[in-house]
């Protein structure tokens, strides 16, 4: 199951899945993904530890280090040309996802990666899982896009490593937008490939609705804008997300952590704002530039 040359032609693919206490969901995810050149699973601090699957590169973390750190570790362990990320509570709904991914990458050899079409059980795409601003009114149309969603996407491994991978500080949320901006700075482009369909089946196992999430999302956005956006654009983006996350924090009765999240303004960042031309193009493609 391992290797760096796809037997059917095209780039080799490494399926990367992080699992935290969802063994049944993990098995369904892996069963939906035939034809990959290697499979890398990271058991993220499940208790008891998950039983390794045969033919899989099996990794283990003793503490929950977060999705960004976990996927960086998978990228370091993989050898294939392309990293294909899939959440453990999602399955490929395409009959031959590996072949579909290779076909799109052969057709678009200059892209850094692909965003897939994510649907729910009823076949519909929800707004939060659509790699464009606004509602998913054109989810069946293939076209360039500005970013990807971490739950189901493909990134060329060399581009991923050249961009420094994910920032480990993003324990949850925003890590994929941060990496998309880092890739765009290097000329990397993304393509939305609805021929690769993934069904997200949100699982309550291994997941808690943490009331601190609004504060975490605000802190993450502050890191993002300070690293990637010029000051005027950063102010607009941060203001929009401050308003959104404050509303969420107030509803959860957690305004205190939200206020403390502004300490993100003091966290060190390697500031490298995107130029105006790149930002205009990302916004034109439906990217998350102003909000």
Protein backbone atom coordinates (compact mmCIF):
# COMPACT_ATOMS: atom_id res chain seq x y z
CA UNK A 1 0.00 0.00 0.00
CA UNK A 2 3.03 2.24 0.21
CA UNK A 3 5.04 3.75 -2.59
CA UNK A 4 5.77 6.93 -4.50
CA UNK A 5 4.61 6.00 -8.00
CA UNK A 6 0.93 5.56 -8.70
CA UNK A 7 0.35 2.31 -10.50
CA UNK A 8 -2.42 3.85 -12.63
CA UNK A 9 -0.34 6.85 -13.72
CA UNK A 10 -0.26 10.36 -12.35
CA UNK A 11 0.99 11.52 -8.98
CA UNK A 12 1.12 9.14 -6.04
CA UNK A 13 -1.36 9.81 -3.24
CA UNK A 14 -1.07 9.49 0.54
CA UNK A 15 -4.37 9.35 2.40
CA UNK A 16 -3.93 11.04 5.80
CA UNK A 17 -6.54 10.54 8.53
CA UNK A 18 -6.36 11.66 12.15
CA UNK A 19 -8.57 9.74 14.55
CA UNK A 20 -9.55 10.54 18.13
CA UNK A 21 -11.67 7.80 19.70
CA UNK A 22 -13.72 7.03 16.60
CA UNK A 23 -12.62 3.54 15.53
CA UNK A 24 -15.85 2.68 13.71
CA UNK A 25 -15.83 5.95 11.79
CA UNK A 26 -12.16 5.45 10.94
CA UNK A 27 -12.83 2.02 9.47
CA UNK A 28 -15.63 3.49 7.32
CA UNK A 29 -13.35 6.29 6.11
CA UNK A 30 -10.59 3.85 5.14
CA UNK A 31 -13.04 1.45 3.48
CA UNK A 32 -14.27 4.30 1.26
CA UNK A 33 -10.77 5.04 -0.02
CA UNK A 34 -9.39 2.29 -2.30
CA UNK A 35 -6.53 2.90 -4.67
CA UNK A 36 -4.30 5.17 -2.60
CA UNK A 37 -0.57 4.52 -2.74
CA UNK A 38 -0.15 4.84 1.01
CA UNK A 39 -2.35 5.44 4.02
CA UNK A 40 -1.12 7.30 7.09
CA UNK A 41 -3.29 7.20 10.22
CA UNK A 42 -2.53 9.17 13.38
CA UNK A 43 -4.19 7.98 16.57
CA UNK A 44 -4.57 11.29 18.39
CA UNK A 45 -4.47 10.29 22.06
CA UNK A 46 -7.38 7.85 21.91
CA UNK A 47 -7.96 5.98 25.16
CA UNK A 48 -7.56 3.10 24.96
CA UNK A 49 -5.22 3.33 21.97
CA UNK A 50 -6.75 2.25 18.68
CA UNK A 51 -5.75 -1.09 17.20
CA UNK A 52 -3.53 -0.51 14.14
CA UNK A 53 -5.04 -1.36 10.76
CA UNK A 54 -3.01 -3.69 8.51
CA UNK A 55 -1.12 -2.14 5.60
CA UNK A 56 -1.27 1.33 7.15
CA UNK A 57 1.51 3.61 8.39
CA UNK A 58 0.32 3.94 11.98
CA UNK A 59 1.30 6.87 14.20
CA UNK A 60 0.35 7.68 17.77
CA UNK A 61 0.24 10.86 19.89
CA UNK A 62 -0.07 10.53 23.66
CA UNK A 63 -1.72 13.97 23.98
CA UNK A 64 -4.14 15.85 21.79
CA UNK A 65 -1.70 18.09 19.92
CA UNK A 66 -4.31 19.48 17.54
CA UNK A 67 -5.10 18.97 13.89
CA UNK A 68 -2.31 21.19 12.52
CA UNK A 69 0.47 19.43 14.43
CA UNK A 70 -1.05 16.06 13.64
CA UNK A 71 -1.14 16.65 9.90
CA UNK A 72 2.40 18.00 9.95
CA UNK A 73 3.50 14.72 11.50
CA UNK A 74 1.61 12.78 8.83
CA UNK A 75 3.24 14.84 6.09
CA UNK A 76 6.67 14.04 7.52
CA UNK A 77 5.85 10.32 7.56
CA UNK A 78 4.36 10.19 4.06
CA UNK A 79 6.40 9.64 0.90
CA UNK A 80 3.77 10.18 -1.82
CA UNK A 81 3.57 13.20 -4.11
CA UNK A 82 0.22 14.41 -2.80
CA UNK A 83 -1.23 14.55 0.71
CA UNK A 84 -4.96 13.81 0.79
CA UNK A 85 -6.51 14.89 4.08
CA UNK A 86 -9.76 13.33 5.24
CA UNK A 87 -11.52 13.76 8.58
CA UNK A 88 -12.25 10.54 10.43
CA UNK A 89 -16.00 11.21 10.38
CA UNK A 90 -16.10 11.55 6.61
CA UNK A 91 -16.16 9.08 3.72
CA UNK A 92 -15.52 9.36 0.02
CA UNK A 93 -18.81 9.18 -1.88
CA UNK A 94 -17.11 8.93 -5.28
CA UNK A 95 -16.74 5.35 -6.57
CA UNK A 96 -12.98 5.66 -7.23
CA UNK A 97 -11.72 8.74 -5.38
CA UNK A 98 -8.02 8.12 -5.99
CA UNK A 99 -8.55 7.90 -9.75
CA UNK A 100 -10.72 11.03 -9.68
CA UNK A 101 -8.07 12.98 -7.75
CA UNK A 102 -5.30 11.89 -10.11
CA UNK A 103 -7.41 12.82 -13.15
CA UNK A 104 -7.97 16.38 -11.90
CA UNK A 105 -4.31 16.80 -10.98
CA UNK A 106 -3.24 15.59 -14.43
CA UNK A 107 -5.63 18.10 -16.00
CA UNK A 108 -4.33 20.91 -13.76
CA UNK A 109 -0.64 20.14 -13.20
CA UNK A 110 0.13 23.69 -12.04
CA UNK A 111 -2.16 23.77 -9.00
CA UNK A 112 -0.86 23.37 -5.44
CA UNK A 113 -3.91 21.41 -4.39
CA UNK A 114 -7.59 20.59 -4.65
CA UNK A 115 -10.68 21.39 -2.64
CA UNK A 116 -13.29 18.62 -2.79
CA UNK A 117 -17.08 18.80 -2.81
CA UNK A 118 -18.27 18.11 0.74
CA UNK A 119 -21.89 17.06 1.25
CA UNK A 120 -24.07 15.88 4.10
CA UNK A 121 -26.30 12.79 4.16
CA UNK A 122 -28.98 14.54 2.09
CA UNK A 123 -26.46 15.36 -0.64
CA UNK A 124 -26.46 19.08 0.10
CA UNK A 125 -23.41 21.22 0.78
CA UNK A 126 -23.59 23.47 3.84
CA UNK A 127 -22.14 26.97 3.74
CA UNK A 128 -19.35 26.27 6.23
CA UNK A 129 -18.07 23.37 4.08
CA UNK A 130 -17.98 25.25 0.76
CA UNK A 131 -14.62 26.76 -0.28
CA UNK A 132 -16.14 30.01 -1.46
CA UNK A 133 -17.88 32.93 0.22
CA UNK A 134 -21.64 32.68 0.41
CA UNK A 135 -24.05 29.79 0.07
CA UNK A 136 -23.33 26.71 -2.03
CA UNK A 137 -25.44 27.70 -5.03
CA UNK A 138 -23.02 26.35 -7.64
CA UNK A 139 -21.51 23.37 -5.87
CA UNK A 140 -21.40 21.16 -8.98
CA UNK A 141 -19.24 23.53 -11.07
CA UNK A 142 -15.48 22.93 -11.21
CA UNK A 143 -13.38 26.10 -11.09
CA UNK A 144 -10.37 27.75 -9.47
CA UNK A 145 -10.75 28.56 -5.77
CA UNK A 146 -8.73 30.51 -3.22
CA UNK A 147 -8.56 28.09 -0.30
CA UNK A 148 -9.45 24.61 0.88
CA UNK A 149 -11.24 23.07 3.85
CA UNK A 150 -9.13 20.85 6.06
CA UNK A 151 -11.73 18.12 6.41
CA UNK A 152 -11.30 16.94 2.82
CA UNK A 153 -8.63 18.24 0.45
CA UNK A 154 -5.43 17.39 -1.41
CA UNK A 155 -2.15 19.33 -1.28
CA UNK A 156 1.03 18.60 -3.19
CA UNK A 157 3.56 17.49 -0.60
CA UNK A 158 6.46 19.53 -1.99
CA UNK A 159 4.36 22.72 -1.92
CA UNK A 160 3.16 21.87 1.59
CA UNK A 161 6.70 21.44 2.88
CA UNK A 162 8.03 24.54 1.06
CA UNK A 163 5.32 26.62 2.74
CA UNK A 164 6.32 25.27 6.16
CA UNK A 165 3.23 23.09 6.58
CA UNK A 166 0.55 24.01 9.07
CA UNK A 167 1.27 26.37 11.96
CA UNK A 168 1.14 24.08 15.02
CA UNK A 169 -0.47 26.85 17.09
CA UNK A 170 -3.78 26.31 15.31
CA UNK A 171 -5.11 23.55 17.53
CA UNK A 172 -8.50 23.82 15.83
CA UNK A 173 -9.87 26.09 13.07
CA UNK A 174 -8.22 28.47 10.57
CA UNK A 175 -5.16 26.31 9.89
CA UNK A 176 -6.21 25.59 6.30
CA UNK A 177 -6.79 29.28 5.49
CA UNK A 178 -3.39 30.14 6.96
CA UNK A 179 -1.70 27.52 4.77
CA UNK A 180 -3.69 28.64 1.72
CA UNK A 181 -2.37 32.18 2.17
CA UNK A 182 1.18 30.87 2.64
CA UNK A 183 0.90 28.87 -0.58
CA UNK A 184 -0.61 31.84 -2.46
CA UNK A 185 2.41 33.94 -1.47
CA UNK A 186 4.54 31.40 -3.34
CA UNK A 187 2.31 31.42 -6.39
CA UNK A 188 0.35 28.33 -5.37
CA UNK A 189 -3.20 28.04 -6.68
CA UNK A 190 -6.12 25.80 -5.72
CA UNK A 191 -8.83 24.17 -7.80
CA UNK A 192 -12.31 23.14 -6.70
CA UNK A 193 -12.93 19.57 -7.88
CA UNK A 194 -16.59 18.57 -7.37
CA UNK A 195 -15.92 15.26 -9.13
CA UNK A 196 -14.37 14.19 -5.81
CA UNK A 197 -17.30 13.96 -3.43
CA UNK A 198 -16.91 13.51 0.32
CA UNK A 199 -19.80 12.90 2.70
CA UNK A 200 -19.29 14.46 6.11
CA UNK A 201 -20.99 12.47 8.85
CA UNK A 202 -20.47 14.60 11.99
CA UNK A 203 -19.87 12.31 14.95
CA UNK A 204 -20.48 13.16 18.60
CA UNK A 205 -17.81 10.66 19.66
CA UNK A 206 -14.47 12.22 20.45
CA UNK A 207 -16.00 15.67 20.09
CA UNK A 208 -17.29 18.11 22.68
CA UNK A 209 -18.97 21.44 22.02
CA UNK A 210 -16.33 23.45 23.86
CA UNK A 211 -17.64 26.86 24.98
CA UNK A 212 -14.11 28.21 24.53
CA UNK A 213 -14.27 27.75 20.74
CA UNK A 214 -15.35 31.36 19.97
CA UNK A 215 -12.34 32.67 21.88
CA UNK A 216 -10.05 30.19 20.11
CA UNK A 217 -11.38 31.23 16.71
CA UNK A 218 -10.82 34.91 17.49
CA UNK A 219 -7.25 34.27 18.62
CA UNK A 220 -6.61 32.26 15.46
CA UNK A 221 -7.93 35.05 13.24
CA UNK A 222 -5.68 37.55 14.99
CA UNK A 223 -2.69 35.35 14.19
CA UNK A 224 -3.86 34.98 10.60
CA UNK A 225 -4.34 38.67 9.84
CA UNK A 226 -1.09 39.70 11.50
CA UNK A 227 0.86 37.19 9.44
CA UNK A 228 -0.75 37.54 6.02
CA UNK A 229 -2.80 40.72 5.56
CA UNK A 230 -1.78 44.36 5.08
CA UNK A 231 -2.93 46.61 7.92
CA UNK A 232 -6.11 48.10 6.32
CA UNK A 233 -7.37 44.67 5.21
CA UNK A 234 -6.33 43.11 8.51
CA UNK A 235 -8.44 45.62 10.46
CA UNK A 236 -11.54 44.83 8.38
CA UNK A 237 -11.03 41.06 8.65
CA UNK A 238 -10.33 41.14 12.40
CA UNK A 239 -13.33 43.41 13.07
CA UNK A 240 -15.69 41.11 11.17
CA UNK A 241 -14.48 38.06 13.10
CA UNK A 242 -14.42 39.89 16.41
CA UNK A 243 -18.12 40.72 15.98
CA UNK A 244 -19.01 37.18 14.94
CA UNK A 245 -17.09 35.44 17.72
CA UNK A 246 -18.28 37.91 20.36
CA UNK A 247 -21.88 37.03 19.51
CA UNK A 248 -21.05 33.32 19.80
CA UNK A 249 -19.18 33.84 23.08
CA UNK A 250 -22.01 35.90 24.56
CA UNK A 251 -24.55 33.19 23.72
CA UNK A 252 -22.29 30.63 25.41
CA UNK A 253 -21.77 32.87 28.44
CA UNK A 254 -18.01 32.93 27.80
CA UNK A 255 -17.17 36.58 27.19
CA UNK A 256 -14.22 36.40 29.61
CA UNK A 257 -12.19 33.93 27.50
CA UNK A 258 -13.13 35.96 24.41
CA UNK A 259 -11.60 39.06 25.98
CA UNK A 260 -8.45 37.15 26.91
CA UNK A 261 -8.16 35.91 23.32
CA UNK A 262 -7.02 39.39 22.30
CA UNK A 263 -3.66 38.39 23.73
CA UNK A 264 -3.21 36.91 20.28
CA UNK A 265 -2.12 40.39 19.26
CA UNK A 266 1.05 39.82 21.27
CA UNK A 267 1.94 36.35 20.01
CA UNK A 268 5.01 36.33 17.74
CA UNK A 269 4.40 35.98 14.01
CA UNK A 270 6.61 36.00 10.93
CA UNK A 271 4.78 38.85 9.23
CA UNK A 272 4.75 38.66 5.42
CA UNK A 273 1.63 40.43 4.07
CA UNK A 274 0.28 39.34 0.71
CA UNK A 275 0.52 41.96 -2.02
CA UNK A 276 -2.53 43.79 -3.30
CA UNK A 277 -2.65 41.96 -6.63
CA UNK A 278 -2.70 38.55 -4.96
CA UNK A 279 -5.35 39.65 -2.46
CA UNK A 280 -7.60 41.02 -5.21
CA UNK A 281 -7.32 37.74 -7.12
CA UNK A 282 -8.08 35.67 -4.02
CA UNK A 283 -11.11 37.84 -3.27
CA UNK A 284 -12.29 37.55 -6.89
CA UNK A 285 -12.15 33.77 -6.59
CA UNK A 286 -14.35 33.85 -3.50
CA UNK A 287 -11.55 33.75 -0.93
CA UNK A 288 -11.70 34.82 2.70
CA UNK A 289 -9.81 38.10 2.45
CA UNK A 290 -12.08 40.71 4.08
CA UNK A 291 -14.00 38.24 6.29
